[in-house]
Amino acid sequence: MSGQPPVTGRRRRRPVLLAGAALATLAVAGAATLGLGGRGGGSPDPSRSGPAATATVTRQTLVKAVTLAGVLGYGAAVPLACTAAGIVTWLPEVGATVKQGGTVLRADERPVVLFYGFLPMYRPLSAGTKGSDVRQFERNLKALGYTGFTVDDDFSASTAGAVKRWQRDLGLPETGTVDRERVVYVPGPVRIAERLVRLGAAATGDVLSYTGRTRLVTVSVEPNEAGWAAKGTRVAISLPTGASVSGQVSAVGAPTTGGGGEQPAGPEQPGTGTAKVDISISVADQKALGALAGASVDVRYVEQERRNVLTVPVDALLALAEGGYGVELVDAGRTRIVPVEPGMFADGRVEVTGDGLTEGQPVGVPA
């Protein structure tokens, strides 16, 4: 190669063992090797006519992935507030599922019923009441099989008649008016996460906490480590059973401070005052999760990818005495140094570009 010194009598170049280091580290390591001995740090063997071993230049896709610790569960629990007066006389078991029309508690032995929706039950509903909250209530009533009214913004006499039938089925006085305390709204079916009060406690206030019924993975990271997580980002999840399932980011929370303190973190209170971002990852194949819940899992995402590039093993790189990097190319029993520009590192290989370098060529590596 024009401009290259002959192999005979050239200064031995020592390889830089990088194992995925950044280019800045590579430069420092290269500078430290200038003028030193050959591979392995020993004196050159004068009888040696080629490298101790060879590897092949490969054209491939390099993927740099990052693995984070996560927890498989049902996500953060949400408190359920009750406005009913009286005493709690019944609560569902932790882990139980409550669906549309189901009872979430009893106050003075009267049921508080779960309906689906996003508007809170902020007022009683009776004949003549109008509004979007009426439509939300009527939609639920119809879904439970009650008929004879039109789902709209008007609480009509027909709606009141259907309410009386609903109240009769619940064992309530048939007034045709829906008391504010009788219904709570949630987005969909819930799983009871925790009882926040005991039987005999006052029913007014947060009595339960709940989650959705679908399992998901939660990863908590520092804010500066959450840049990769956008809604829809795909990940691989390794389960403690040894199986792997795919998932994708469904939500990225706002930074929150763990440990409850505004105090700075300290050695006796690790994590106190440290902001964290919770990343929620959905798993479409729930059956693949088996019976796992509350288990630690590994979440792997692709940080960087380079397609269709030439690569060599990291330990094939030589730090050249004149600066830069090269590989020892073996051709028809002869060797020569080809300067290369390192690119991305991944899985023990490095992307390289250089004049005359092609797929399938052998390059020198340590034995």
Protein backbone atom coordinates (compact mmCIF):
# COMPACT_ATOMS: atom_id res chain seq x y z
CA MET A 1 0.00 0.00 0.00
CA SER A 2 1.40 3.38 -1.04
CA GLY A 3 2.85 5.32 1.88
CA GLN A 4 2.92 2.31 4.25
CA PRO A 5 6.24 1.21 5.80
CA PRO A 6 7.42 -2.33 4.90
CA VAL A 7 6.55 -5.15 7.27
CA THR A 8 10.17 -6.11 7.83
CA GLY A 9 11.78 -3.99 10.51
CA ARG A 10 8.61 -1.96 11.24
CA ARG A 11 7.82 -0.95 14.84
CA ARG A 12 5.45 -3.42 16.44
CA ARG A 13 1.99 -1.99 17.18
CA ARG A 14 0.28 -3.06 20.34
CA PRO A 15 -3.48 -3.70 20.15
CA VAL A 16 -5.81 -1.63 22.31
CA LEU A 17 -8.22 -3.87 24.20
CA LEU A 18 -11.42 -1.86 24.20
CA ALA A 19 -14.30 -4.22 24.90
CA GLY A 20 -16.93 -1.63 24.07
CA ALA A 21 -15.09 1.50 25.31
CA ALA A 22 -15.90 4.91 23.89
CA LEU A 23 -13.68 6.55 21.29
CA ALA A 24 -12.26 8.93 23.87
CA THR A 25 -11.02 5.95 25.88
CA LEU A 26 -9.67 4.47 22.68
CA ALA A 27 -7.61 7.59 22.01
CA VAL A 28 -6.11 7.62 25.50
CA ALA A 29 -5.30 3.93 25.32
CA GLY A 30 -3.77 4.39 21.88
CA ALA A 31 -1.52 7.19 23.09
CA ALA A 32 -0.33 5.02 25.96
CA THR A 33 0.81 2.31 23.54
CA LEU A 34 2.98 4.38 21.25
CA GLY A 35 6.50 2.97 20.96
CA LEU A 36 5.72 -0.16 23.02
CA GLY A 37 5.97 -3.82 22.12
CA GLY A 38 3.61 -6.07 20.10
CA ARG A 39 0.42 -7.93 21.00
CA GLY A 40 0.40 -9.15 24.57
CA GLY A 41 3.15 -6.73 25.63
CA GLY A 42 6.08 -9.13 25.12
CA SER A 43 9.15 -8.62 22.93
CA PRO A 44 8.66 -9.28 19.20
CA ASP A 45 9.50 -12.79 18.02
CA PRO A 46 12.07 -12.32 15.20
CA SER A 47 11.06 -15.66 13.64
CA ARG A 48 7.37 -14.68 13.49
CA SER A 49 6.18 -14.10 9.89
CA GLY A 50 2.53 -13.29 10.61
CA PRO A 51 -0.04 -12.73 13.32
CA ALA A 52 -0.55 -15.30 16.06
CA ALA A 53 -4.12 -15.84 14.90
CA THR A 54 -6.59 -14.37 12.45
CA ALA A 55 -10.23 -13.35 12.32
CA THR A 56 -12.43 -12.37 9.40
CA VAL A 57 -13.69 -8.97 8.35
CA THR A 58 -17.45 -9.31 8.51
CA ARG A 59 -20.28 -7.26 7.03
CA GLN A 60 -23.17 -7.17 9.50
CA THR A 61 -25.56 -5.10 11.56
CA LEU A 62 -24.12 -3.96 14.88
CA VAL A 63 -26.57 -3.43 17.71
CA LYS A 64 -25.66 -1.75 20.98
CA ALA A 65 -28.24 -2.63 23.62
CA VAL A 66 -28.74 -1.50 27.20
CA THR A 67 -30.30 -3.68 29.91
CA LEU A 68 -32.25 -2.16 32.80
CA ALA A 69 -33.88 -3.69 35.87
CA GLY A 70 -37.68 -3.67 35.93
CA VAL A 71 -40.58 -5.06 37.91
CA LEU A 72 -43.47 -7.03 36.44
CA GLY A 73 -46.71 -6.08 38.13
CA TYR A 74 -49.90 -4.12 37.61
CA GLY A 75 -48.47 -0.61 37.72
CA ALA A 76 -48.94 2.12 40.29
CA ALA A 77 -52.01 1.80 42.49
CA VAL A 78 -54.65 4.55 42.44
CA PRO A 79 -56.68 5.39 45.56
CA LEU A 80 -60.44 5.06 45.32
CA ALA A 81 -62.34 7.78 47.17
CA CYS A 82 -65.79 7.16 48.59
CA THR A 83 -68.27 9.90 49.50
CA ALA A 84 -70.72 7.62 51.30
CA ALA A 85 -71.58 8.40 54.89
CA GLY A 86 -71.63 5.64 57.47
CA ILE A 87 -69.40 2.73 58.40
CA VAL A 88 -67.55 0.32 56.13
CA THR A 89 -69.25 -3.07 56.46
CA TRP A 90 -67.73 -4.93 53.50
CA LEU A 91 -64.66 -4.66 51.25
CA PRO A 92 -63.48 -6.86 48.37
CA GLU A 93 -60.40 -9.03 48.82
CA VAL A 94 -57.02 -7.81 47.66
CA GLY A 95 -56.42 -9.16 44.16
CA ALA A 96 -60.12 -9.36 43.37
CA THR A 97 -61.42 -7.95 40.08
CA VAL A 98 -64.39 -5.57 40.10
CA LYS A 99 -66.16 -4.89 36.82
CA GLN A 100 -68.88 -2.55 35.62
CA GLY A 101 -71.87 -2.69 37.96
CA GLY A 102 -69.92 -4.52 40.67
CA THR A 103 -69.75 -3.51 44.31
CA VAL A 104 -66.51 -1.92 45.53
CA LEU A 105 -67.63 -1.60 49.17
CA ARG A 106 -70.65 -1.50 51.43
CA ALA A 107 -71.34 1.40 53.77
CA ASP A 108 -73.99 0.66 56.41
CA GLU A 109 -74.65 -2.46 54.30
CA ARG A 110 -75.58 -0.41 51.25
CA PRO A 111 -73.52 -1.01 48.09
CA VAL A 112 -71.29 1.53 46.40
CA VAL A 113 -71.27 0.57 42.72
CA LEU A 114 -68.45 0.82 40.17
CA PHE A 115 -69.26 2.35 36.77
CA TYR A 116 -66.95 3.15 33.85
CA GLY A 117 -66.19 6.76 32.99
CA PHE A 118 -63.91 9.73 33.53
CA LEU A 119 -66.26 12.30 35.04
CA PRO A 120 -66.59 11.99 38.81
CA MET A 121 -70.02 11.56 40.38
CA TYR A 122 -70.21 15.16 41.55
CA ARG A 123 -73.99 15.56 42.05
CA PRO A 124 -77.16 13.50 42.46
CA LEU A 125 -79.05 12.63 39.29
CA SER A 126 -82.83 12.82 39.06
CA ALA A 127 -85.61 13.56 36.56
CA GLY A 128 -84.89 16.85 34.82
CA THR A 129 -81.11 16.79 35.34
CA LYS A 130 -79.17 17.47 32.16
CA GLY A 131 -75.48 17.17 31.29
CA SER A 132 -72.66 14.94 30.11
CA ASP A 133 -72.61 13.18 33.49
CA VAL A 134 -76.20 12.03 32.76
CA ARG A 135 -75.06 10.53 29.45
CA GLN A 136 -72.16 8.77 31.19
CA PHE A 137 -74.50 7.27 33.79
CA GLU A 138 -77.11 6.20 31.22
CA ARG A 139 -74.42 4.55 29.09
CA ASN A 140 -73.45 2.37 32.05
CA LEU A 141 -77.05 1.58 32.93
CA LYS A 142 -77.73 0.43 29.37
CA ALA A 143 -74.53 -1.69 29.34
CA LEU A 144 -75.89 -3.53 32.40
CA GLY A 145 -79.01 -4.51 30.46
CA TYR A 146 -81.51 -1.89 31.61
CA THR A 147 -83.69 -0.50 28.80
CA GLY A 148 -86.66 1.76 28.14
CA PHE A 149 -84.73 5.04 27.94
CA THR A 150 -82.52 6.93 25.49
CA VAL A 151 -78.83 7.47 26.21
CA ASP A 152 -78.49 11.24 26.01
CA ASP A 153 -77.85 14.26 28.22
CA ASP A 154 -81.41 14.27 29.63
CA PHE A 155 -82.35 12.33 32.79
CA SER A 156 -85.94 11.65 31.76
CA ALA A 157 -88.86 9.94 33.49
CA SER A 158 -87.95 6.85 31.45
CA THR A 159 -84.42 6.98 32.88
CA ALA A 160 -85.88 7.26 36.39
CA GLY A 161 -87.97 4.14 35.74
CA ALA A 162 -84.85 2.19 34.72
CA VAL A 163 -83.05 3.50 37.81
CA LYS A 164 -85.82 2.15 40.04
CA ARG A 165 -85.37 -1.32 38.52
CA TRP A 166 -81.62 -1.07 39.06
CA GLN A 167 -82.14 0.02 42.68
CA ARG A 168 -84.51 -2.88 43.29
CA ASP A 169 -81.90 -5.34 42.02
CA LEU A 170 -79.35 -3.79 44.41
CA GLY A 171 -81.69 -3.96 47.38
CA LEU A 172 -81.92 -0.17 47.62
CA PRO A 173 -84.99 2.05 48.09
CA GLU A 174 -86.62 2.56 44.68
CA THR A 175 -86.49 6.33 44.52
CA GLY A 176 -85.54 6.84 40.85
CA THR A 177 -82.85 9.28 42.01
CA VAL A 178 -79.18 8.35 41.96
CA ASP A 179 -77.47 9.58 45.10
CA ARG A 180 -73.99 11.06 44.62
CA GLU A 181 -72.48 8.59 47.08
CA ARG A 182 -73.88 5.52 45.34
CA VAL A 183 -71.56 5.40 42.29
CA VAL A 184 -67.81 5.74 41.70
CA TYR A 185 -66.30 6.01 38.22
CA VAL A 186 -63.08 4.40 36.97
CA PRO A 187 -61.80 3.96 33.39
CA GLY A 188 -62.40 0.21 33.25
CA PRO A 189 -62.26 -3.06 35.21
CA VAL A 190 -60.02 -2.82 38.26
CA ARG A 191 -57.92 -5.11 40.40
CA ILE A 192 -58.00 -4.35 44.12
CA ALA A 193 -54.43 -3.54 45.19
CA GLU A 194 -54.88 -2.69 48.86
CA ARG A 195 -57.47 -2.09 51.54
CA LEU A 196 -56.76 1.35 52.96
CA VAL A 197 -59.23 1.05 55.84
CA ARG A 198 -60.56 -1.75 58.03
CA LEU A 199 -64.13 -2.88 58.49
CA GLY A 200 -65.79 -0.54 60.96
CA ALA A 201 -63.91 2.53 59.73
CA ALA A 202 -65.64 5.60 58.36
CA ALA A 203 -66.62 5.09 54.72
CA THR A 204 -65.85 8.64 53.61
CA GLY A 205 -62.38 9.06 52.06
CA ASP A 206 -59.87 6.77 50.38
CA VAL A 207 -60.98 3.26 51.24
CA LEU A 208 -59.19 1.16 48.60
CA SER A 209 -56.45 1.39 46.02
CA TYR A 210 -56.69 -0.28 42.65
CA THR A 211 -54.78 -0.98 39.45
CA GLY A 212 -55.72 -2.18 36.02
CA ARG A 213 -55.98 -5.93 35.44
CA THR A 214 -53.30 -6.12 32.75
CA ARG A 215 -49.76 -6.82 33.85
CA LEU A 216 -47.03 -4.48 32.75
CA VAL A 217 -43.37 -3.78 33.47
CA THR A 218 -42.22 -0.68 35.32
CA VAL A 219 -38.66 0.61 34.99
CA SER A 220 -37.45 3.45 37.25
CA VAL A 221 -34.52 5.50 36.00
CA GLU A 222 -32.96 8.88 36.59
CA PRO A 223 -34.30 11.62 34.31
CA ASN A 224 -31.10 11.80 32.27
CA GLU A 225 -31.40 8.06 31.53
CA ALA A 226 -34.97 8.23 30.19
CA GLY A 227 -34.27 9.85 26.83
CA TRP A 228 -34.62 6.56 24.96
CA ALA A 229 -38.14 5.95 26.23
CA ALA A 230 -40.75 7.27 23.83
CA LYS A 231 -44.25 5.86 23.55
CA GLY A 232 -44.12 2.87 21.21
CA THR A 233 -40.40 2.09 21.70
CA ARG A 234 -39.98 -1.67 21.50
CA VAL A 235 -38.04 -3.65 24.11
CA ALA A 236 -37.21 -7.25 24.98
CA ILE A 237 -38.13 -8.49 28.46
CA SER A 238 -36.25 -11.38 30.08
CA LEU A 239 -38.36 -13.22 32.65
CA PRO A 240 -37.02 -15.08 35.71
CA THR A 241 -38.24 -18.31 34.07
CA GLY A 242 -35.65 -17.85 31.33
CA ALA A 243 -38.27 -16.95 28.72
CA SER A 244 -38.27 -13.67 26.81
CA VAL A 245 -41.26 -11.61 25.66
CA SER A 246 -41.56 -8.42 23.66
CA GLY A 247 -43.01 -5.21 24.99
CA GLN A 248 -43.30 -1.56 24.15
CA VAL A 249 -43.26 1.68 26.10
CA SER A 250 -46.82 2.73 26.89
CA ALA A 251 -46.20 5.70 29.19
CA VAL A 252 -43.38 7.81 30.60
CA GLY A 253 -44.08 9.45 33.93
CA ALA A 254 -42.97 12.83 35.19
CA PRO A 255 -39.87 12.92 37.43
CA THR A 256 -40.73 12.25 41.05
CA THR A 257 -38.57 12.37 44.15
CA GLY A 258 -38.26 9.10 46.02
CA GLY A 259 -37.81 8.76 49.76
CA GLY A 260 -40.29 11.54 50.45
CA GLY A 261 -37.64 14.03 51.31
CA GLU A 262 -36.61 17.28 49.96
CA GLN A 263 -33.37 16.56 51.74
CA PRO A 264 -30.33 15.75 49.61
CA ALA A 265 -29.29 12.16 49.17
CA GLY A 266 -26.85 10.84 51.73
CA PRO A 267 -24.98 7.61 52.47
CA GLU A 268 -27.40 6.75 55.27
CA GLN A 269 -30.43 7.44 53.06
CA PRO A 270 -29.58 6.24 49.55
CA GLY A 271 -32.06 7.45 46.99
CA THR A 272 -33.52 10.13 49.24
CA GLY A 273 -34.14 13.25 47.22
CA THR A 274 -33.13 11.54 43.95
CA ALA A 275 -35.57 12.17 41.11
CA LYS A 276 -36.83 9.12 39.24
CA VAL A 277 -38.86 8.60 36.09
CA ASP A 278 -41.21 5.61 35.91
CA ILE A 279 -41.43 4.03 32.47
CA SER A 280 -44.42 1.74 31.87
CA ILE A 281 -44.01 -1.07 29.35
CA SER A 282 -47.00 -2.98 28.03
CA VAL A 283 -46.88 -6.69 27.17
CA ALA A 284 -49.33 -7.84 24.51
CA ASP A 285 -48.81 -11.57 25.13
CA GLN A 286 -50.10 -11.83 28.69
CA LYS A 287 -50.21 -15.65 28.49
CA ALA A 288 -46.45 -15.73 28.00
CA LEU A 289 -46.06 -14.19 31.45
CA GLY A 290 -47.56 -17.26 33.11
CA ALA A 291 -48.56 -16.61 36.71
CA LEU A 292 -45.76 -14.12 37.36
CA ALA A 293 -46.55 -10.91 39.24
CA GLY A 294 -44.27 -8.77 41.37
CA ALA A 295 -41.23 -10.40 39.76
CA SER A 296 -37.93 -8.74 38.84
CA VAL A 297 -37.20 -8.74 35.11
CA ASP A 298 -34.57 -7.39 32.72
CA VAL A 299 -35.58 -4.89 30.06
CA ARG A 300 -33.34 -4.56 27.00
CA TYR A 301 -33.60 -1.71 24.52
CA VAL A 302 -31.53 -0.83 21.47
CA GLU A 303 -29.47 2.29 22.09
CA GLN A 304 -27.66 2.36 18.76
CA GLU A 305 -27.72 0.36 15.54
CA ARG A 306 -25.47 0.37 12.48
CA ARG A 307 -26.64 -1.63 9.48
CA ASN A 308 -24.53 -3.28 6.80
CA VAL A 309 -21.10 -2.19 8.10
CA LEU A 310 -17.69 -3.85 8.05
CA THR A 311 -16.56 -5.09 11.47
CA VAL A 312 -13.57 -6.76 13.09
CA PRO A 313 -13.00 -8.06 16.61
CA VAL A 314 -12.09 -5.23 18.99
CA ASP A 315 -8.72 -6.81 19.75
CA ALA A 316 -7.81 -6.68 16.05
CA LEU A 317 -7.33 -2.91 16.38
CA LEU A 318 -3.76 -1.61 16.54
CA ALA A 319 -2.77 1.77 17.95
CA LEU A 320 -0.33 3.09 15.39
CA ALA A 321 2.89 4.81 16.49
CA GLU A 322 2.24 7.65 14.04
CA GLY A 323 -1.27 8.10 15.44
CA GLY A 324 -4.62 6.63 14.56
CA TYR A 325 -5.58 2.99 14.32
CA GLY A 326 -5.17 0.13 11.95
CA VAL A 327 -5.59 -3.59 11.43
CA GLU A 328 -3.02 -6.15 10.35
CA LEU A 329 -4.33 -7.49 7.06
CA VAL A 330 -3.19 -10.96 5.96
CA ASP A 331 -3.03 -11.48 2.19
CA ALA A 332 -1.45 -14.51 0.48
CA GLY A 333 0.84 -15.16 3.43
CA ARG A 334 2.00 -11.58 3.67
CA THR A 335 0.84 -8.96 6.16
CA ARG A 336 0.40 -5.24 5.93
CA ILE A 337 -1.08 -2.55 8.10
CA VAL A 338 -4.28 -0.93 6.84
CA PRO A 339 -5.26 2.31 8.63
CA VAL A 340 -8.91 2.24 9.72
CA GLU A 341 -11.41 4.58 11.28
CA PRO A 342 -13.22 2.90 14.22
CA GLY A 343 -16.95 3.47 14.51
CA MET A 344 -19.52 1.82 16.76
CA PHE A 345 -18.54 -0.87 19.30
CA ALA A 346 -20.89 -3.74 20.20
CA ASP A 347 -20.65 -7.35 21.33
CA GLY A 348 -16.86 -7.48 21.12
CA ARG A 349 -16.69 -6.11 17.58
CA VAL A 350 -16.04 -2.67 16.13
CA GLU A 351 -17.20 -0.99 12.94
CA VAL A 352 -14.22 -0.09 10.72
CA THR A 353 -13.75 1.81 7.50
CA GLY A 354 -10.52 1.91 5.51
CA ASP A 355 -9.15 1.87 1.96
CA GLY A 356 -8.78 -1.64 0.59
CA LEU A 357 -10.75 -3.29 3.40
CA THR A 358 -13.39 -5.75 2.18
CA GLU A 359 -15.65 -8.43 3.59
CA GLY A 360 -14.03 -11.83 4.15
CA GLN A 361 -10.42 -10.64 4.51
CA PRO A 362 -8.39 -12.14 7.39
CA VAL A 363 -6.93 -9.79 9.96
CA GLY A 364 -4.50 -10.47 12.79
CA VAL A 365 -5.68 -10.95 16.35
CA PRO A 366 -3.95 -12.13 19.54
CA ALA A 367 -3.79 -15.91 19.99
